[in-house]
Amino acid sequence: MAVLAIILGVIVCLNIIGFAINKIFFANELETVLPYGQMVEVNGQKMHVYSMGAGDQTVVLLPGFGVSLPSADFGPLMRALSQDYCVVSLEYFGIGFSDPTDTPRTNENYTEETRTALALSGFKAPYVLMPHSASGVYSEYYAAKYPDEVSAIIMLDTTSTAITGSKNPPKILYTFGKLQQACGLTRVTYGLVPPAQKAENGYTKKEIGDYKLFAYHVLNDTIINQSFTLIDNINEVNAIPFPQDIPVLKLVSTQTEKKVGWKYQTDHLNRLGAMAESRMIDSSHFMYQTKIEEICDATNTFLEKID
């Protein structure tokens, strides 16, 4: 018991020291990085909108759950797509350079915030939405509510809204996650993992460094709220008919197909209707980090066809 008490005491002391170091030396480190794009005020809070290119069509990239700095993570894909399109990376509240928010992370709020931020940034609908992962849910809601503002959706391994009945993760996981982040353990463990963003895939040194820096601070109450509302958001979208005249291209990663099976995808495609089609890409769930050429080729072919 004495040994256990000593071990526990050492752990507590290390956590206290880590917390103090984090607060003293790293609390304001994100303020040293300037936003890549423009900050617009949405409902009294700042949202980051980053764009490049000047094509006739506007492609709006929407990030998946837990991506700490989408404007950096989407960098190589944005540069490639911007040769033919106007490309916009929008960072939701709670991630990247955007402010956190107490506003519930519902489909309606995500959609209205997105519409407002794009309009204030000078972009005009209709848009080609290009969501990754969980953002597919919000994109389907957007299309259902404002079909005239969405010309097409190109889904990057998105969450299926045809699959319901999932459960939320245990809240204690986020409690431990926030403690780990506050004590600096996230900085240590993440720092030992090779970055997913690599120079050979088109990432700049700044994008790689900035993404890692933001990853040390990614967990916050806004992100947690998003996690615990996602299932309700899926169920809500599932109950809303998807507009049958909006073309959809669903790019599916081999990693996801092996994990959940093809029925997960076919049920989703059936829900999206006759204007939906799919294409498999040999990649991880984060296909845009490594498969830029394949995504651009699929995008160009798809948009040329529907035009």
C-alpha atoms as a PDB file:
ATOM      1  CA  MET A   1       0.000   0.000   0.000  1.00  0.00           C
ATOM      2  CA  ALA A   2       2.864   2.351   0.775  1.00  0.00           C
ATOM      3  CA  VAL A   3       4.435   1.683  -2.626  1.00  0.00           C
ATOM      4  CA  LEU A   4       1.101   2.301  -4.367  1.00  0.00           C
ATOM      5  CA  ALA A   5       0.659   5.511  -2.427  1.00  0.00           C
ATOM      6  CA  ILE A   6       4.112   6.687  -3.494  1.00  0.00           C
ATOM      7  CA  ILE A   7       3.410   5.842  -7.132  1.00  0.00           C
ATOM      8  CA  LEU A   8       0.068   7.631  -6.987  1.00  0.00           C
ATOM      9  CA  GLY A   9       1.700  10.628  -5.358  1.00  0.00           C
ATOM     10  CA  VAL A  10       4.363  10.789  -8.057  1.00  0.00           C
ATOM     11  CA  ILE A  11       1.680  10.635 -10.774  1.00  0.00           C
ATOM     12  CA  VAL A  12      -0.310  13.406  -9.138  1.00  0.00           C
ATOM     13  CA  CYS A  13       2.794  15.565  -8.744  1.00  0.00           C
ATOM     14  CA  LEU A  14       3.801  15.037 -12.382  1.00  0.00           C
ATOM     15  CA  ASN A  15       0.309  16.019 -13.503  1.00  0.00           C
ATOM     16  CA  ILE A  16       0.383  19.155 -11.372  1.00  0.00           C
ATOM     17  CA  ILE A  17       3.800  20.074 -12.754  1.00  0.00           C
ATOM     18  CA  GLY A  18       2.614  19.376 -16.303  1.00  0.00           C
ATOM     19  CA  PHE A  19      -0.491  21.483 -15.769  1.00  0.00           C
ATOM     20  CA  ALA A  20       1.585  24.378 -14.454  1.00  0.00           C
ATOM     21  CA  ILE A  21       4.069  24.193 -17.336  1.00  0.00           C
ATOM     22  CA  ASN A  22       1.214  24.056 -19.851  1.00  0.00           C
ATOM     23  CA  LYS A  23      -0.458  27.097 -18.319  1.00  0.00           C
ATOM     24  CA  ILE A  24       2.707  29.141 -17.979  1.00  0.00           C
ATOM     25  CA  PHE A  25       4.482  28.391 -21.244  1.00  0.00           C
ATOM     26  CA  PHE A  26       1.910  27.138 -23.759  1.00  0.00           C
ATOM     27  CA  ALA A  27      -1.485  28.652 -22.886  1.00  0.00           C
ATOM     28  CA  ASN A  28      -1.219  31.395 -25.525  1.00  0.00           C
ATOM     29  CA  GLU A  29       0.941  29.692 -28.146  1.00  0.00           C
ATOM     30  CA  LEU A  30      -1.852  29.562 -30.740  1.00  0.00           C
ATOM     31  CA  GLU A  31      -1.999  33.353 -30.728  1.00  0.00           C
ATOM     32  CA  THR A  32       1.398  33.413 -32.453  1.00  0.00           C
ATOM     33  CA  VAL A  33      -0.109  31.843 -35.598  1.00  0.00           C
ATOM     34  CA  LEU A  34      -2.022  34.226 -37.862  1.00  0.00           C
ATOM     35  CA  PRO A  35      -5.195  33.018 -39.657  1.00  0.00           C
ATOM     36  CA  TYR A  36      -4.591  31.892 -43.224  1.00  0.00           C
ATOM     37  CA  GLY A  37      -7.768  33.547 -44.485  1.00  0.00           C
ATOM     38  CA  GLN A  38     -10.360  36.010 -43.242  1.00  0.00           C
ATOM     39  CA  MET A  39     -12.215  36.078 -39.944  1.00  0.00           C
ATOM     40  CA  VAL A  40     -15.928  36.863 -40.230  1.00  0.00           C
ATOM     41  CA  GLU A  41     -18.361  37.553 -37.426  1.00  0.00           C
ATOM     42  CA  VAL A  42     -21.161  35.001 -37.165  1.00  0.00           C
ATOM     43  CA  ASN A  43     -23.628  35.399 -34.294  1.00  0.00           C
ATOM     44  CA  GLY A  44     -21.162  37.564 -32.393  1.00  0.00           C
ATOM     45  CA  GLN A  45     -18.206  35.170 -32.735  1.00  0.00           C
ATOM     46  CA  LYS A  46     -15.361  34.855 -35.220  1.00  0.00           C
ATOM     47  CA  MET A  47     -15.267  32.144 -37.865  1.00  0.00           C
ATOM     48  CA  HIS A  48     -12.306  31.441 -40.162  1.00  0.00           C
ATOM     49  CA  VAL A  49     -12.839  31.212 -43.930  1.00  0.00           C
ATOM     50  CA  TYR A  50      -9.838  30.458 -46.158  1.00  0.00           C
ATOM     51  CA  SER A  51      -9.998  30.456 -49.949  1.00  0.00           C
ATOM     52  CA  MET A  52      -7.918  30.261 -53.098  1.00  0.00           C
ATOM     53  CA  GLY A  53      -8.570  30.080 -56.841  1.00  0.00           C
ATOM     54  CA  ALA A  54     -11.025  31.977 -59.000  1.00  0.00           C
ATOM     55  CA  GLY A  55     -12.998  29.420 -60.985  1.00  0.00           C
ATOM     56  CA  ASP A  56     -16.656  29.776 -61.920  1.00  0.00           C
ATOM     57  CA  GLN A  57     -17.689  27.034 -59.480  1.00  0.00           C
ATOM     58  CA  THR A  58     -17.170  27.368 -55.729  1.00  0.00           C
ATOM     59  CA  VAL A  59     -16.119  24.170 -53.947  1.00  0.00           C
ATOM     60  CA  VAL A  60     -16.628  24.335 -50.175  1.00  0.00           C
ATOM     61  CA  LEU A  61     -14.458  21.975 -48.127  1.00  0.00           C
ATOM     62  CA  LEU A  62     -16.019  20.987 -44.802  1.00  0.00           C
ATOM     63  CA  PRO A  63     -13.919  19.136 -42.190  1.00  0.00           C
ATOM     64  CA  GLY A  64     -14.534  15.897 -40.367  1.00  0.00           C
ATOM     65  CA  PHE A  65     -14.749  15.538 -36.602  1.00  0.00           C
ATOM     66  CA  GLY A  66     -11.665  16.313 -34.539  1.00  0.00           C
ATOM     67  CA  VAL A  67      -9.543  17.913 -37.275  1.00  0.00           C
ATOM     68  CA  SER A  68      -7.559  20.518 -35.361  1.00  0.00           C
ATOM     69  CA  LEU A  69      -6.659  22.879 -38.234  1.00  0.00           C
ATOM     70  CA  PRO A  70      -8.639  22.171 -41.432  1.00  0.00           C
ATOM     71  CA  SER A  71      -7.135  25.116 -43.326  1.00  0.00           C
ATOM     72  CA  ALA A  72      -3.720  23.421 -43.034  1.00  0.00           C
ATOM     73  CA  ASP A  73      -4.982  19.849 -43.402  1.00  0.00           C
ATOM     74  CA  PHE A  74      -6.809  20.669 -46.650  1.00  0.00           C
ATOM     75  CA  GLY A  75      -3.861  22.707 -47.975  1.00  0.00           C
ATOM     76  CA  PRO A  76      -2.557  20.416 -50.768  1.00  0.00           C
ATOM     77  CA  LEU A  77      -6.081  19.540 -51.926  1.00  0.00           C
ATOM     78  CA  MET A  78      -7.025  23.227 -52.014  1.00  0.00           C
ATOM     79  CA  ARG A  79      -4.001  24.103 -54.113  1.00  0.00           C
ATOM     80  CA  ALA A  80      -4.774  21.337 -56.590  1.00  0.00           C
ATOM     81  CA  LEU A  81      -8.494  22.120 -56.883  1.00  0.00           C
ATOM     82  CA  SER A  82      -7.873  25.866 -57.104  1.00  0.00           C
ATOM     83  CA  GLN A  83      -6.404  25.389 -60.583  1.00  0.00           C
ATOM     84  CA  ASP A  84      -9.974  24.884 -61.848  1.00  0.00           C
ATOM     85  CA  TYR A  85     -12.284  26.126 -59.092  1.00  0.00           C
ATOM     86  CA  CYS A  86     -12.709  28.689 -56.375  1.00  0.00           C
ATOM     87  CA  VAL A  87     -12.001  26.590 -53.267  1.00  0.00           C
ATOM     88  CA  VAL A  88     -13.086  27.505 -49.749  1.00  0.00           C
ATOM     89  CA  SER A  89     -12.110  25.841 -46.485  1.00  0.00           C
ATOM     90  CA  LEU A  90     -14.527  26.725 -43.710  1.00  0.00           C
ATOM     91  CA  GLU A  91     -13.583  26.068 -40.097  1.00  0.00           C
ATOM     92  CA  TYR A  92     -16.539  25.432 -37.821  1.00  0.00           C
ATOM     93  CA  PHE A  93     -16.700  26.998 -34.385  1.00  0.00           C
ATOM     94  CA  GLY A  94     -14.397  25.184 -31.987  1.00  0.00           C
ATOM     95  CA  ILE A  95     -11.714  24.187 -34.492  1.00  0.00           C
ATOM     96  CA  GLY A  96      -8.828  25.883 -36.230  1.00  0.00           C
ATOM     97  CA  PHE A  97      -8.795  29.657 -35.953  1.00  0.00           C
ATOM     98  CA  SER A  98     -12.553  29.874 -35.283  1.00  0.00           C
ATOM     99  CA  ASP A  99     -13.872  30.749 -31.841  1.00  0.00           C
ATOM    100  CA  PRO A 100     -15.449  28.148 -29.560  1.00  0.00           C
ATOM    101  CA  THR A 101     -19.184  28.455 -28.967  1.00  0.00           C
ATOM    102  CA  ASP A 102     -21.855  27.402 -26.482  1.00  0.00           C
ATOM    103  CA  THR A 103     -24.444  27.195 -29.263  1.00  0.00           C
ATOM    104  CA  PRO A 104     -25.681  23.568 -29.590  1.00  0.00           C
ATOM    105  CA  ARG A 105     -24.025  21.688 -32.448  1.00  0.00           C
ATOM    106  CA  THR A 106     -27.229  20.884 -34.311  1.00  0.00           C
ATOM    107  CA  ASN A 107     -27.685  20.423 -38.045  1.00  0.00           C
ATOM    108  CA  GLU A 108     -29.579  23.692 -38.214  1.00  0.00           C
ATOM    109  CA  ASN A 109     -26.871  25.685 -36.450  1.00  0.00           C
ATOM    110  CA  TYR A 110     -24.061  24.189 -38.530  1.00  0.00           C
ATOM    111  CA  THR A 111     -25.989  24.977 -41.701  1.00  0.00           C
ATOM    112  CA  GLU A 112     -26.924  28.534 -40.792  1.00  0.00           C
ATOM    113  CA  GLU A 113     -23.414  29.317 -39.574  1.00  0.00           C
ATOM    114  CA  THR A 114     -21.951  27.937 -42.805  1.00  0.00           C
ATOM    115  CA  ARG A 115     -24.351  29.916 -44.995  1.00  0.00           C
ATOM    116  CA  THR A 116     -23.700  33.121 -43.053  1.00  0.00           C
ATOM    117  CA  ALA A 117     -19.908  32.746 -43.075  1.00  0.00           C
ATOM    118  CA  LEU A 118     -19.803  32.062 -46.807  1.00  0.00           C
ATOM    119  CA  ALA A 119     -22.073  35.016 -47.604  1.00  0.00           C
ATOM    120  CA  LEU A 120     -20.114  37.404 -45.381  1.00  0.00           C
ATOM    121  CA  SER A 121     -16.906  36.258 -47.069  1.00  0.00           C
ATOM    122  CA  GLY A 122     -18.278  37.256 -50.462  1.00  0.00           C
ATOM    123  CA  PHE A 123     -19.142  33.844 -51.907  1.00  0.00           C
ATOM    124  CA  LYS A 124     -22.404  33.240 -53.692  1.00  0.00           C
ATOM    125  CA  ALA A 125     -24.474  30.092 -53.988  1.00  0.00           C
ATOM    126  CA  PRO A 126     -24.933  27.597 -55.466  1.00  0.00           C
ATOM    127  CA  TYR A 127     -21.971  25.724 -54.017  1.00  0.00           C
ATOM    128  CA  VAL A 128     -20.369  22.368 -54.626  1.00  0.00           C
ATOM    129  CA  LEU A 129     -20.113  21.024 -51.092  1.00  0.00           C
ATOM    130  CA  MET A 130     -17.151  18.728 -50.420  1.00  0.00           C
ATOM    131  CA  PRO A 131     -17.566  17.352 -46.881  1.00  0.00           C
ATOM    132  CA  HIS A 132     -15.321  14.861 -45.129  1.00  0.00           C
ATOM    133  CA  SER A 133     -16.583  12.312 -42.603  1.00  0.00           C
ATOM    134  CA  ALA A 134     -19.179  13.779 -40.179  1.00  0.00           C
ATOM    135  CA  SER A 135     -19.636  16.902 -42.304  1.00  0.00           C
ATOM    136  CA  GLY A 136     -21.531  14.761 -44.776  1.00  0.00           C
ATOM    137  CA  VAL A 137     -24.417  14.799 -42.293  1.00  0.00           C
ATOM    138  CA  TYR A 138     -24.529  18.601 -42.176  1.00  0.00           C
ATOM    139  CA  SER A 139     -24.164  18.816 -45.963  1.00  0.00           C
ATOM    140  CA  GLU A 140     -27.185  16.587 -46.525  1.00  0.00           C
ATOM    141  CA  TYR A 141     -29.192  18.750 -44.145  1.00  0.00           C
ATOM    142  CA  TYR A 142     -28.022  21.883 -45.975  1.00  0.00           C
ATOM    143  CA  ALA A 143     -29.082  20.407 -49.320  1.00  0.00           C
ATOM    144  CA  ALA A 144     -32.459  19.320 -47.965  1.00  0.00           C
ATOM    145  CA  LYS A 145     -33.228  22.734 -46.469  1.00  0.00           C
ATOM    146  CA  TYR A 146     -31.718  24.912 -49.222  1.00  0.00           C
ATOM    147  CA  PRO A 147     -31.595  22.828 -52.420  1.00  0.00           C
ATOM    148  CA  ASP A 148     -31.186  25.914 -54.611  1.00  0.00           C
ATOM    149  CA  GLU A 149     -27.894  26.712 -52.833  1.00  0.00           C
ATOM    150  CA  VAL A 150     -26.268  23.330 -53.502  1.00  0.00           C
ATOM    151  CA  SER A 151     -25.371  22.377 -57.065  1.00  0.00           C
ATOM    152  CA  ALA A 152     -23.674  19.102 -56.090  1.00  0.00           C
ATOM    153  CA  ILE A 153     -22.069  17.236 -53.184  1.00  0.00           C
ATOM    154  CA  ILE A 154     -18.778  15.380 -53.429  1.00  0.00           C
ATOM    155  CA  MET A 155     -18.422  13.290 -50.292  1.00  0.00           C
ATOM    156  CA  LEU A 156     -14.974  12.380 -48.977  1.00  0.00           C
ATOM    157  CA  ASP A 157     -15.607   9.126 -47.078  1.00  0.00           C
ATOM    158  CA  THR A 158     -18.573  10.635 -45.266  1.00  0.00           C
ATOM    159  CA  THR A 159     -20.702   9.282 -42.439  1.00  0.00           C
ATOM    160  CA  SER A 160     -23.742   7.374 -43.663  1.00  0.00           C
ATOM    161  CA  THR A 161     -27.062   8.914 -42.641  1.00  0.00           C
ATOM    162  CA  ALA A 162     -28.802   5.647 -43.501  1.00  0.00           C
ATOM    163  CA  ILE A 163     -27.228   3.980 -40.469  1.00  0.00           C
ATOM    164  CA  THR A 164     -28.967   4.690 -37.172  1.00  0.00           C
ATOM    165  CA  GLY A 165     -28.946   3.171 -33.697  1.00  0.00           C
ATOM    166  CA  SER A 166     -25.342   3.960 -32.759  1.00  0.00           C
ATOM    167  CA  LYS A 167     -24.360   4.997 -29.244  1.00  0.00           C
ATOM    168  CA  ASN A 168     -22.453   7.991 -27.967  1.00  0.00           C
ATOM    169  CA  PRO A 169     -18.944   7.422 -26.573  1.00  0.00           C
ATOM    170  CA  PRO A 170     -18.650   7.326 -22.756  1.00  0.00           C
ATOM    171  CA  LYS A 171     -18.347  10.834 -21.363  1.00  0.00           C
ATOM    172  CA  ILE A 172     -15.486   9.754 -19.120  1.00  0.00           C
ATOM    173  CA  LEU A 173     -13.281   9.418 -22.211  1.00  0.00           C
ATOM    174  CA  TYR A 174     -13.554  13.130 -22.837  1.00  0.00           C
ATOM    175  CA  THR A 175     -12.967  13.881 -19.144  1.00  0.00           C
ATOM    176  CA  PHE A 176      -9.696  11.974 -19.282  1.00  0.00           C
ATOM    177  CA  GLY A 177      -8.894  13.556 -22.646  1.00  0.00           C
ATOM    178  CA  LYS A 178      -9.293  17.083 -21.288  1.00  0.00           C
ATOM    179  CA  LEU A 179      -7.184  16.211 -18.239  1.00  0.00           C
ATOM    180  CA  GLN A 180      -4.497  14.718 -20.462  1.00  0.00           C
ATOM    181  CA  GLN A 181      -4.500  17.832 -22.646  1.00  0.00           C
ATOM    182  CA  ALA A 182      -4.404  20.217 -19.676  1.00  0.00           C
ATOM    183  CA  CYS A 183      -1.437  18.396 -18.151  1.00  0.00           C
ATOM    184  CA  GLY A 184       0.546  18.369 -21.383  1.00  0.00           C
ATOM    185  CA  LEU A 185       0.423  14.612 -21.904  1.00  0.00           C
ATOM    186  CA  THR A 186      -1.275  15.134 -25.284  1.00  0.00           C
ATOM    187  CA  ARG A 187       1.711  17.220 -26.339  1.00  0.00           C
ATOM    188  CA  VAL A 188       4.093  14.417 -25.370  1.00  0.00           C
ATOM    189  CA  THR A 189       2.163  11.530 -26.916  1.00  0.00           C
ATOM    190  CA  TYR A 190       1.199  13.364 -30.103  1.00  0.00           C
ATOM    191  CA  GLY A 191       4.743  14.600 -30.498  1.00  0.00           C
ATOM    192  CA  LEU A 192       5.962  10.996 -30.651  1.00  0.00           C
ATOM    193  CA  VAL A 193       3.657  10.141 -33.564  1.00  0.00           C
ATOM    194  CA  PRO A 194       4.835  10.926 -37.115  1.00  0.00           C
ATOM    195  CA  PRO A 195       2.604  13.632 -38.629  1.00  0.00           C
ATOM    196  CA  ALA A 196      -0.094  12.548 -41.073  1.00  0.00           C
ATOM    197  CA  GLN A 197       0.721  15.611 -43.152  1.00  0.00           C
ATOM    198  CA  LYS A 198       3.904  14.931 -45.126  1.00  0.00           C
ATOM    199  CA  ALA A 199       6.004  17.087 -47.437  1.00  0.00           C
ATOM    200  CA  GLU A 200       5.981  14.398 -50.138  1.00  0.00           C
ATOM    201  CA  ASN A 201       2.181  14.728 -50.267  1.00  0.00           C
ATOM    202  CA  GLY A 202       2.341  18.464 -50.897  1.00  0.00           C
ATOM    203  CA  TYR A 203       2.246  19.894 -47.374  1.00  0.00           C
ATOM    204  CA  THR A 204       4.359  22.915 -46.545  1.00  0.00           C
ATOM    205  CA  LYS A 205       6.584  23.035 -43.471  1.00  0.00           C
ATOM    206  CA  LYS A 206       4.292  25.684 -42.004  1.00  0.00           C
ATOM    207  CA  GLU A 207       1.148  23.579 -42.507  1.00  0.00           C
ATOM    208  CA  ILE A 208       2.770  20.576 -40.858  1.00  0.00           C
ATOM    209  CA  GLY A 209       4.004  22.615 -37.886  1.00  0.00           C
ATOM    210  CA  ASP A 210       0.786  24.608 -37.443  1.00  0.00           C
ATOM    211  CA  TYR A 211      -1.392  21.494 -37.560  1.00  0.00           C
ATOM    212  CA  LYS A 212       0.663  19.800 -34.848  1.00  0.00           C
ATOM    213  CA  LEU A 213       0.515  22.950 -32.700  1.00  0.00           C
ATOM    214  CA  PHE A 214      -3.274  23.124 -32.949  1.00  0.00           C
ATOM    215  CA  ALA A 215      -3.571  19.392 -32.273  1.00  0.00           C
ATOM    216  CA  TYR A 216      -2.178  19.997 -28.797  1.00  0.00           C
ATOM    217  CA  HIS A 217      -5.306  22.066 -28.044  1.00  0.00           C
ATOM    218  CA  VAL A 218      -7.983  20.385 -30.143  1.00  0.00           C
ATOM    219  CA  LEU A 219     -10.227  19.050 -27.366  1.00  0.00           C
ATOM    220  CA  ASN A 220     -12.726  21.612 -26.094  1.00  0.00           C
ATOM    221  CA  ASP A 221     -16.365  21.803 -25.046  1.00  0.00           C
ATOM    222  CA  THR A 222     -17.521  22.725 -28.563  1.00  0.00           C
ATOM    223  CA  ILE A 223     -15.934  19.585 -30.036  1.00  0.00           C
ATOM    224  CA  ILE A 224     -17.372  17.455 -27.233  1.00  0.00           C
ATOM    225  CA  ASN A 225     -20.823  18.901 -27.871  1.00  0.00           C
ATOM    226  CA  GLN A 226     -20.445  18.034 -31.553  1.00  0.00           C
ATOM    227  CA  SER A 227     -19.623  14.440 -30.648  1.00  0.00           C
ATOM    228  CA  PHE A 228     -22.639  14.026 -28.397  1.00  0.00           C
ATOM    229  CA  THR A 229     -25.096  15.551 -30.875  1.00  0.00           C
ATOM    230  CA  LEU A 230     -23.872  13.640 -33.941  1.00  0.00           C
ATOM    231  CA  ILE A 231     -26.202  10.662 -33.492  1.00  0.00           C
ATOM    232  CA  ASP A 232     -29.219  12.937 -33.038  1.00  0.00           C
ATOM    233  CA  ASN A 233     -28.112  14.842 -36.135  1.00  0.00           C
ATOM    234  CA  ILE A 234     -27.877  11.611 -38.147  1.00  0.00           C
ATOM    235  CA  ASN A 235     -31.344  10.559 -37.026  1.00  0.00           C
ATOM    236  CA  GLU A 236     -32.769  13.966 -37.915  1.00  0.00           C
ATOM    237  CA  VAL A 237     -31.278  13.915 -41.417  1.00  0.00           C
ATOM    238  CA  ASN A 238     -32.376  10.314 -41.933  1.00  0.00           C
ATOM    239  CA  ALA A 239     -35.978  11.428 -41.395  1.00  0.00           C
ATOM    240  CA  ILE A 240     -35.723  14.169 -44.036  1.00  0.00           C
ATOM    241  CA  PRO A 241     -36.017  13.202 -47.734  1.00  0.00           C
ATOM    242  CA  PHE A 242     -32.901  14.057 -49.682  1.00  0.00           C
ATOM    243  CA  PRO A 243     -33.504  16.199 -52.818  1.00  0.00           C
ATOM    244  CA  GLN A 244     -33.513  13.766 -55.714  1.00  0.00           C
ATOM    245  CA  ASP A 245     -32.252  16.301 -58.257  1.00  0.00           C
ATOM    246  CA  ILE A 246     -28.948  17.096 -56.495  1.00  0.00           C
ATOM    247  CA  PRO A 247     -26.042  15.069 -57.929  1.00  0.00           C
ATOM    248  CA  VAL A 248     -23.865  13.302 -55.369  1.00  0.00           C
ATOM    249  CA  LEU A 249     -20.488  11.630 -55.760  1.00  0.00           C
ATOM    250  CA  LYS A 250     -19.515   9.487 -52.790  1.00  0.00           C
ATOM    251  CA  LEU A 251     -15.787   8.740 -52.656  1.00  0.00           C
ATOM    252  CA  VAL A 252     -15.238   5.735 -50.405  1.00  0.00           C
ATOM    253  CA  SER A 253     -11.927   4.730 -48.849  1.00  0.00           C
ATOM    254  CA  THR A 254     -10.830   1.100 -48.851  1.00  0.00           C
ATOM    255  CA  GLN A 255     -10.095   1.461 -45.135  1.00  0.00           C
ATOM    256  CA  THR A 256     -13.719   2.319 -44.339  1.00  0.00           C
ATOM    257  CA  GLU A 257     -15.088  -0.317 -46.716  1.00  0.00           C
ATOM    258  CA  LYS A 258     -13.057  -3.015 -44.961  1.00  0.00           C
ATOM    259  CA  LYS A 259     -14.126  -1.749 -41.549  1.00  0.00           C
ATOM    260  CA  VAL A 260     -17.888  -1.380 -41.997  1.00  0.00           C
ATOM    261  CA  GLY A 261     -18.713  -3.299 -45.197  1.00  0.00           C
ATOM    262  CA  TRP A 262     -20.270  -2.219 -48.459  1.00  0.00           C
ATOM    263  CA  LYS A 263     -23.872  -2.357 -47.202  1.00  0.00           C
ATOM    264  CA  TYR A 264     -23.042   0.722 -45.123  1.00  0.00           C
ATOM    265  CA  GLN A 265     -22.392   2.510 -48.421  1.00  0.00           C
ATOM    266  CA  THR A 266     -25.199   1.038 -50.541  1.00  0.00           C
ATOM    267  CA  ASP A 267     -27.834   1.912 -47.950  1.00  0.00           C
ATOM    268  CA  HIS A 268     -26.534   5.456 -47.997  1.00  0.00           C
ATOM    269  CA  LEU A 269     -26.448   5.645 -51.796  1.00  0.00           C
ATOM    270  CA  ASN A 270     -30.016   4.337 -51.957  1.00  0.00           C
ATOM    271  CA  ARG A 271     -31.114   7.059 -49.546  1.00  0.00           C
ATOM    272  CA  LEU A 272     -29.409   9.732 -51.658  1.00  0.00           C
ATOM    273  CA  GLY A 273     -31.292   8.584 -54.760  1.00  0.00           C
ATOM    274  CA  ALA A 274     -30.722   7.970 -58.453  1.00  0.00           C
ATOM    275  CA  MET A 275     -28.438  10.996 -58.858  1.00  0.00           C
ATOM    276  CA  ALA A 276     -25.906   9.498 -56.445  1.00  0.00           C
ATOM    277  CA  GLU A 277     -22.907   7.462 -57.510  1.00  0.00           C
ATOM    278  CA  SER A 278     -19.774   6.143 -55.831  1.00  0.00           C
ATOM    279  CA  ARG A 279     -16.110   5.567 -56.488  1.00  0.00           C
ATOM    280  CA  MET A 280     -13.618   3.600 -54.407  1.00  0.00           C
ATOM    281  CA  ILE A 281     -10.237   5.095 -53.544  1.00  0.00           C
ATOM    282  CA  ASP A 282      -7.422   2.980 -52.121  1.00  0.00           C
ATOM    283  CA  SER A 283      -6.696   5.079 -49.045  1.00  0.00           C
ATOM    284  CA  SER A 284      -7.234   5.696 -45.366  1.00  0.00           C
ATOM    285  CA  HIS A 285     -10.296   7.537 -44.060  1.00  0.00           C
ATOM    286  CA  PHE A 286      -8.323  10.788 -44.497  1.00  0.00           C
ATOM    287  CA  MET A 287      -8.036  10.254 -48.240  1.00  0.00           C
ATOM    288  CA  TYR A 288      -7.418  13.925 -49.004  1.00  0.00           C
ATOM    289  CA  GLN A 289      -4.043  13.778 -47.210  1.00  0.00           C
ATOM    290  CA  THR A 290      -2.560  11.344 -49.730  1.00  0.00           C
ATOM    291  CA  LYS A 291      -4.854  10.938 -52.761  1.00  0.00           C
ATOM    292  CA  ILE A 292      -5.022  14.455 -54.198  1.00  0.00           C
ATOM    293  CA  GLU A 293      -4.737  13.387 -57.833  1.00  0.00           C
ATOM    294  CA  GLU A 294      -7.505  10.789 -57.524  1.00  0.00           C
ATOM    295  CA  ILE A 295      -9.875  13.234 -55.809  1.00  0.00           C
ATOM    296  CA  CYS A 296      -9.235  15.952 -58.392  1.00  0.00           C
ATOM    297  CA  ASP A 297      -9.713  13.517 -61.258  1.00  0.00           C
ATOM    298  CA  ALA A 298     -12.989  12.247 -59.789  1.00  0.00           C
ATOM    299  CA  THR A 299     -14.155  15.820 -59.117  1.00  0.00           C
ATOM    300  CA  ASN A 300     -13.396  17.054 -62.633  1.00  0.00           C
ATOM    301  CA  THR A 301     -15.033  14.054 -64.303  1.00  0.00           C
ATOM    302  CA  PHE A 302     -18.129  14.280 -62.117  1.00  0.00           C
ATOM    303  CA  LEU A 303     -18.672  18.043 -62.468  1.00  0.00           C
ATOM    304  CA  GLU A 304     -18.060  17.981 -66.227  1.00  0.00           C
ATOM    305  CA  LYS A 305     -20.637  15.236 -66.567  1.00  0.00           C
ATOM    306  CA  ILE A 306     -23.381  16.958 -64.584  1.00  0.00           C
ATOM    307  CA  ASP A 307     -22.750  20.270 -66.366  1.00  0.00           C
END
